[in-house]
Amino acid sequence: MSRGILVTGASRGIGAAIAKAFADDGDRVAVHHRTATDTAASVLDSLPGSGHLLVRADIADPAAVAAMVEEAVDGLGRIDVLVNNAALFVDEPVAGSRRLGHPVAETSYEDWVAVWRRTVEVNLLGTANVTWCVARHMLSVDPPVGLPQGRIVNIGSRGAFRGEPQVPAYGASKAGVHAMSQSMALALGTYGIAVTSVAPGFVATDMADQVLSGPEGDQVRAQSPFDRVARPDEVAAAVLYLASPGAEWASGAVLDLNGASYLR
C-alpha cells in the first residue's frame, strides 16, 4: 500500500538516498530542500513511480515550516511517515585554518554565538517544528486502512554521544534531537505513532567530503574495524525499516549506525 512520505533535506546525500529507498518501495515522496532547487529536482526526476513532489522551506523559519508541511499534505494527501534529515553541519573552515568547525580555542565570541544560534535553529528547533506540524496532521487525518497512525524517524548523529570538539554545536543539537525523539515516542505512542532516531557516524556524503578527502580521512576510516565509512544507502535501509508498520516496538530507540566505530 502506497504511503505518503516527507523527507526533509532530501536534495543530496543521506536524504536523497532515503527518498529513493521509499520510492523504490512504492511510496510517494515529498522531497524537501532549502536552496538547492536544481539538485532536488534531479532527485525528484530520478525517483521511480509517480505522485512525488518538491517542497521548499528554510527549516529555521517556523512559518515556512508550517507552509511547507501544508504543501506536502496537499500533494501527498496524507503524510504517513516523516523523516527529519535536514541539518546544518558547518559551512566554512575555521578562520585562518584548513580545519572545519568552531573549536572553542580558535573561534571568536561573535562567530561562536552565530554558529550556535544557526545550528540549533536548524538542527533542533527546525526538527521540532516539523515534527509538531506533521504529528498534528497525523492525529487529525486517519491513515488508510491497514496502515498505522504514523511513523517519525529522526536523523541524529554518533557525535551526540562521542562528542564533536571541532563542531560542538552540531553534536549538541543532535543530542537534542535524540532526546526529543524519545520524548515524542512517549507523547505520541498512545496515539499509535512510533518515533525513533538513528545515529550515523561518518557517511560518504558531500557534507563529509572535506574531512574524508583531507589528511584526516584515513584516520576517520580507521575508526571502524571495517576501515571505511557508511554509504548513504545503508542509512536509508535502516530508516526504511524503522518507518515500517512492523517496527512499532522500536519506538523510542536510538539506532547506532557507525560500523562499530563507537560503542556505548
Protein backbone atom coordinates (compact mmCIF):
# COMPACT_ATOMS: atom_id res chain seq x y z
CA MET A 1 0.00 0.00 0.00
CA SER A 2 1.47 3.34 -1.07
CA ARG A 3 2.28 5.75 1.74
CA GLY A 4 2.94 9.49 1.75
CA ILE A 5 6.49 10.28 2.89
CA LEU A 6 8.04 13.64 3.77
CA VAL A 7 11.85 13.64 3.79
CA THR A 8 13.49 16.90 4.83
CA GLY A 9 16.92 17.76 3.46
CA ALA A 10 16.42 15.37 0.55
CA SER A 11 18.33 17.17 -2.20
CA ARG A 12 21.53 15.16 -1.69
CA GLY A 13 23.40 12.65 0.46
CA ILE A 14 21.50 10.71 3.09
CA GLY A 15 18.22 12.48 2.39
CA ALA A 16 18.32 11.69 -1.33
CA ALA A 17 19.13 8.05 -0.57
CA ILE A 18 16.20 7.88 1.86
CA ALA A 19 13.83 9.39 -0.71
CA LYS A 20 14.95 6.82 -3.28
CA ALA A 21 14.55 3.91 -0.84
CA PHE A 22 10.93 4.85 -0.12
CA ALA A 23 10.16 5.42 -3.80
CA ASP A 24 11.72 2.05 -4.66
CA ASP A 25 9.32 0.58 -2.10
CA GLY A 26 6.36 2.06 -3.95
CA ASP A 27 5.75 5.09 -1.73
CA ARG A 28 5.09 8.70 -2.78
CA VAL A 29 7.75 11.13 -1.56
CA ALA A 30 7.79 14.86 -0.86
CA VAL A 31 11.42 15.89 -1.47
CA HIS A 32 12.21 18.88 0.73
CA HIS A 33 15.03 21.33 0.04
CA ARG A 34 16.02 24.84 1.06
CA THR A 35 18.00 26.44 -1.78
CA ALA A 36 19.29 23.55 -3.94
CA THR A 37 16.29 23.54 -6.25
CA ASP A 38 18.08 22.11 -9.29
CA THR A 39 19.68 19.32 -7.26
CA ALA A 40 16.39 18.49 -5.56
CA ALA A 41 14.64 18.45 -8.94
CA SER A 42 17.22 15.94 -10.16
CA VAL A 43 16.48 13.74 -7.16
CA LEU A 44 12.77 14.03 -7.88
CA ASP A 45 13.26 13.09 -11.54
CA SER A 46 15.27 10.03 -10.52
CA LEU A 47 12.56 8.55 -8.31
CA PRO A 48 10.61 5.61 -9.71
CA GLY A 49 6.85 5.67 -9.61
CA SER A 50 4.54 8.66 -9.53
CA GLY A 51 2.97 11.10 -7.09
CA HIS A 52 6.26 12.62 -5.88
CA LEU A 53 6.71 16.36 -5.38
CA LEU A 54 9.18 19.07 -4.37
CA VAL A 55 8.64 21.23 -1.30
CA ARG A 56 10.82 24.08 -0.15
CA ALA A 57 11.47 25.81 3.16
CA ASP A 58 14.17 27.13 5.45
CA ILE A 59 13.71 24.74 8.36
CA ALA A 60 14.84 27.50 10.74
CA ASP A 61 11.77 29.59 9.81
CA PRO A 62 8.69 28.40 11.76
CA ALA A 63 6.22 30.00 9.34
CA ALA A 64 7.98 28.46 6.34
CA VAL A 65 7.92 25.06 8.05
CA ALA A 66 4.14 25.22 8.56
CA ALA A 67 3.58 26.23 4.94
CA MET A 68 5.91 23.50 3.66
CA VAL A 69 4.14 20.78 5.63
CA GLU A 70 0.78 22.01 4.36
CA GLU A 71 2.08 21.88 0.80
CA ALA A 72 3.34 18.33 1.35
CA VAL A 73 -0.04 17.31 2.76
CA ASP A 74 -1.81 18.83 -0.25
CA GLY A 75 0.46 16.97 -2.65
CA LEU A 76 0.51 13.61 -0.88
CA GLY A 77 -2.99 13.56 0.54
CA ARG A 78 -1.62 12.38 3.88
CA ILE A 79 1.84 12.18 5.46
CA ASP A 80 2.21 8.67 6.83
CA VAL A 81 5.95 8.89 7.50
CA LEU A 82 8.15 11.86 8.40
CA VAL A 83 11.92 11.62 8.13
CA ASN A 84 13.67 14.61 9.71
CA ASN A 85 17.01 14.67 7.93
CA ALA A 86 17.63 18.38 7.23
CA ALA A 87 20.61 19.62 9.23
CA LEU A 88 23.47 22.10 9.21
CA PHE A 89 26.96 20.73 9.90
CA VAL A 90 29.37 23.57 9.21
CA ASP A 91 29.66 25.96 6.29
CA GLU A 92 33.26 27.16 6.34
CA PRO A 93 36.70 26.24 7.64
CA VAL A 94 37.93 27.90 10.81
CA ALA A 95 39.29 31.36 10.03
CA GLY A 96 42.98 31.06 9.14
CA SER A 97 42.86 27.25 9.26
CA ARG A 98 42.10 24.31 6.98
CA ARG A 99 40.04 22.69 9.72
CA LEU A 100 36.28 22.81 9.64
CA GLY A 101 34.21 23.90 12.56
CA HIS A 102 34.22 26.22 15.54
CA PRO A 103 36.63 24.85 18.16
CA VAL A 104 36.45 26.95 21.28
CA ALA A 105 40.17 27.80 21.33
CA GLU A 106 40.15 29.19 17.77
CA THR A 107 36.74 30.81 17.35
CA SER A 108 35.83 34.41 18.12
CA TYR A 109 32.95 35.02 20.50
CA GLU A 110 30.94 36.66 17.72
CA ASP A 111 31.37 33.65 15.43
CA TRP A 112 30.73 31.24 18.31
CA VAL A 113 27.38 32.86 19.13
CA ALA A 114 26.34 32.99 15.48
CA VAL A 115 27.15 29.37 14.64
CA TRP A 116 25.49 28.01 17.78
CA ARG A 117 22.34 30.01 17.11
CA ARG A 118 22.07 28.99 13.46
CA THR A 119 22.90 25.33 14.12
CA VAL A 120 20.34 24.95 16.90
CA GLU A 121 17.71 26.84 14.90
CA VAL A 122 18.05 24.40 12.01
CA ASN A 123 19.00 21.08 13.57
CA LEU A 124 16.94 21.10 16.75
CA LEU A 125 14.25 23.79 16.64
CA GLY A 126 13.54 23.20 12.97
CA THR A 127 13.25 19.46 13.52
CA ALA A 128 10.95 20.04 16.49
CA ASN A 129 8.72 22.38 14.46
CA VAL A 130 8.41 19.98 11.50
CA THR A 131 7.61 17.23 13.98
CA TRP A 132 4.83 19.28 15.61
CA CYS A 133 3.23 20.17 12.29
CA VAL A 134 3.33 16.62 10.93
CA ALA A 135 2.31 14.96 14.21
CA ARG A 136 -0.75 17.18 14.49
CA HIS A 137 -1.64 16.30 10.91
CA MET A 138 -1.21 12.57 11.62
CA LEU A 139 -3.51 12.91 14.63
CA SER A 140 -6.22 14.73 12.69
CA VAL A 141 -6.34 12.62 9.50
CA ASP A 142 -6.94 8.88 9.70
CA PRO A 143 -4.49 6.68 7.79
CA PRO A 144 -5.56 4.30 5.04
CA VAL A 145 -6.96 1.01 6.31
CA GLY A 146 -4.12 -1.30 7.28
CA LEU A 147 -1.54 1.39 7.96
CA PRO A 148 -0.51 2.69 11.41
CA GLN A 149 -1.30 6.23 12.51
CA GLY A 150 2.22 7.34 11.69
CA ARG A 151 5.96 6.92 11.85
CA ILE A 152 8.59 9.57 12.57
CA VAL A 153 12.29 8.85 12.09
CA ASN A 154 14.84 11.49 13.07
CA ILE A 155 18.42 11.53 11.80
CA GLY A 156 20.75 12.19 14.71
CA SER A 157 24.46 11.52 14.96
CA ARG A 158 27.17 9.48 16.62
CA GLY A 159 28.58 12.86 17.62
CA ALA A 160 25.74 13.29 20.10
CA PHE A 161 27.42 10.62 22.24
CA ARG A 162 31.06 10.56 21.15
CA GLY A 163 31.47 14.33 21.23
CA GLU A 164 32.33 16.82 18.49
CA PRO A 165 35.23 19.04 19.64
CA GLN A 166 35.53 20.76 16.26
CA VAL A 167 31.78 21.25 15.78
CA PRO A 168 30.30 21.23 19.30
CA ALA A 169 27.10 22.98 18.22
CA TYR A 170 26.39 20.14 15.80
CA GLY A 171 26.96 17.44 18.43
CA ALA A 172 24.82 19.25 20.99
CA SER A 173 21.99 19.84 18.53
CA LYS A 174 21.95 16.16 17.56
CA ALA A 175 21.91 15.13 21.23
CA GLY A 176 18.82 17.31 21.50
CA VAL A 177 17.28 15.53 18.51
CA HIS A 178 17.75 12.15 20.19
CA ALA A 179 16.24 13.43 23.44
CA MET A 180 13.32 15.00 21.57
CA SER A 181 12.72 11.73 19.71
CA GLN A 182 12.40 9.81 22.94
CA SER A 183 10.10 12.43 24.44
CA MET A 184 7.91 12.29 21.34
CA ALA A 185 7.91 8.49 21.45
CA LEU A 186 6.31 8.72 24.90
CA ALA A 187 3.95 11.53 23.90
CA LEU A 188 2.74 10.04 20.62
CA GLY A 189 2.86 6.30 21.27
CA THR A 190 -0.57 6.36 22.87
CA TYR A 191 -1.94 7.56 19.52
CA GLY A 192 -0.20 4.83 17.53
CA ILE A 193 2.65 6.98 16.22
CA ALA A 194 6.09 5.42 16.68
CA VAL A 195 9.10 7.75 16.88
CA THR A 196 12.70 6.60 16.51
CA SER A 197 16.08 8.05 15.61
CA VAL A 198 19.28 6.83 14.01
CA ALA A 199 22.79 7.90 14.97
CA PRO A 200 25.13 7.55 11.98
CA GLY A 201 28.85 8.03 12.23
CA PHE A 202 30.66 9.43 9.21
CA VAL A 203 28.79 8.85 5.97
CA ALA A 204 30.22 9.30 2.48
CA THR A 205 28.27 12.44 1.55
CA ASP A 206 29.09 15.89 0.23
CA MET A 207 28.80 17.26 3.77
CA ALA A 208 31.59 14.97 5.00
CA ASP A 209 33.75 15.12 1.89
CA GLN A 210 36.00 17.93 3.10
CA VAL A 211 37.00 15.78 6.06
CA LEU A 212 37.13 12.42 4.28
CA SER A 213 39.20 13.71 1.36
CA GLY A 214 41.63 15.59 3.57
CA PRO A 215 44.57 14.46 5.72
CA GLU A 216 42.22 13.15 8.42
CA GLY A 217 40.32 10.89 6.03
CA ASP A 218 42.36 7.74 6.69
CA GLN A 219 42.09 8.27 10.43
CA VAL A 220 38.32 8.61 10.19
CA ARG A 221 38.01 5.41 8.14
CA ALA A 222 40.26 3.57 10.59
CA GLN A 223 37.84 4.32 13.44
CA SER A 224 35.77 1.37 12.20
CA PRO A 225 37.13 -2.20 12.04
CA PHE A 226 35.68 -2.27 8.50
CA ASP A 227 38.13 0.54 7.61
CA ARG A 228 35.51 2.61 5.84
CA VAL A 229 32.61 4.96 6.48
CA ALA A 230 28.95 4.32 5.83
CA ARG A 231 27.21 4.60 2.48
CA PRO A 232 24.04 6.70 2.33
CA ASP A 233 22.02 3.69 1.20
CA GLU A 234 22.97 1.86 4.42
CA VAL A 235 21.41 4.64 6.48
CA ALA A 236 18.39 4.66 4.17
CA ALA A 237 17.85 0.92 4.69
CA ALA A 238 17.70 1.40 8.45
CA VAL A 239 15.26 4.30 8.10
CA LEU A 240 13.05 2.23 5.80
CA TYR A 241 12.80 -0.48 8.46
CA LEU A 242 12.12 1.93 11.33
CA ALA A 243 9.35 3.54 9.26
CA SER A 244 7.70 0.22 8.51
CA PRO A 245 4.39 -0.84 10.09
CA GLY A 246 6.17 -3.75 11.78
CA ALA A 247 8.70 -1.58 13.60
CA GLU A 248 6.31 -0.16 16.18
CA TRP A 249 8.11 -1.82 19.10
CA ALA A 250 11.30 0.03 18.19
CA SER A 251 9.64 3.31 19.21
CA GLY A 252 11.94 5.32 21.46
CA ALA A 253 15.05 3.56 20.19
CA VAL A 254 18.23 5.27 19.02
CA LEU A 255 19.87 3.02 16.43
CA ASP A 256 23.65 3.35 16.18
CA LEU A 257 24.91 3.13 12.60
CA ASN A 258 28.65 3.60 12.88
CA GLY A 259 30.32 0.33 11.88
CA ALA A 260 31.46 -0.33 15.48
CA SER A 261 33.48 2.89 15.41
CA TYR A 262 31.90 3.96 18.70
CA LEU A 263 30.27 1.62 21.19
CA ARG A 264 28.14 2.66 24.15
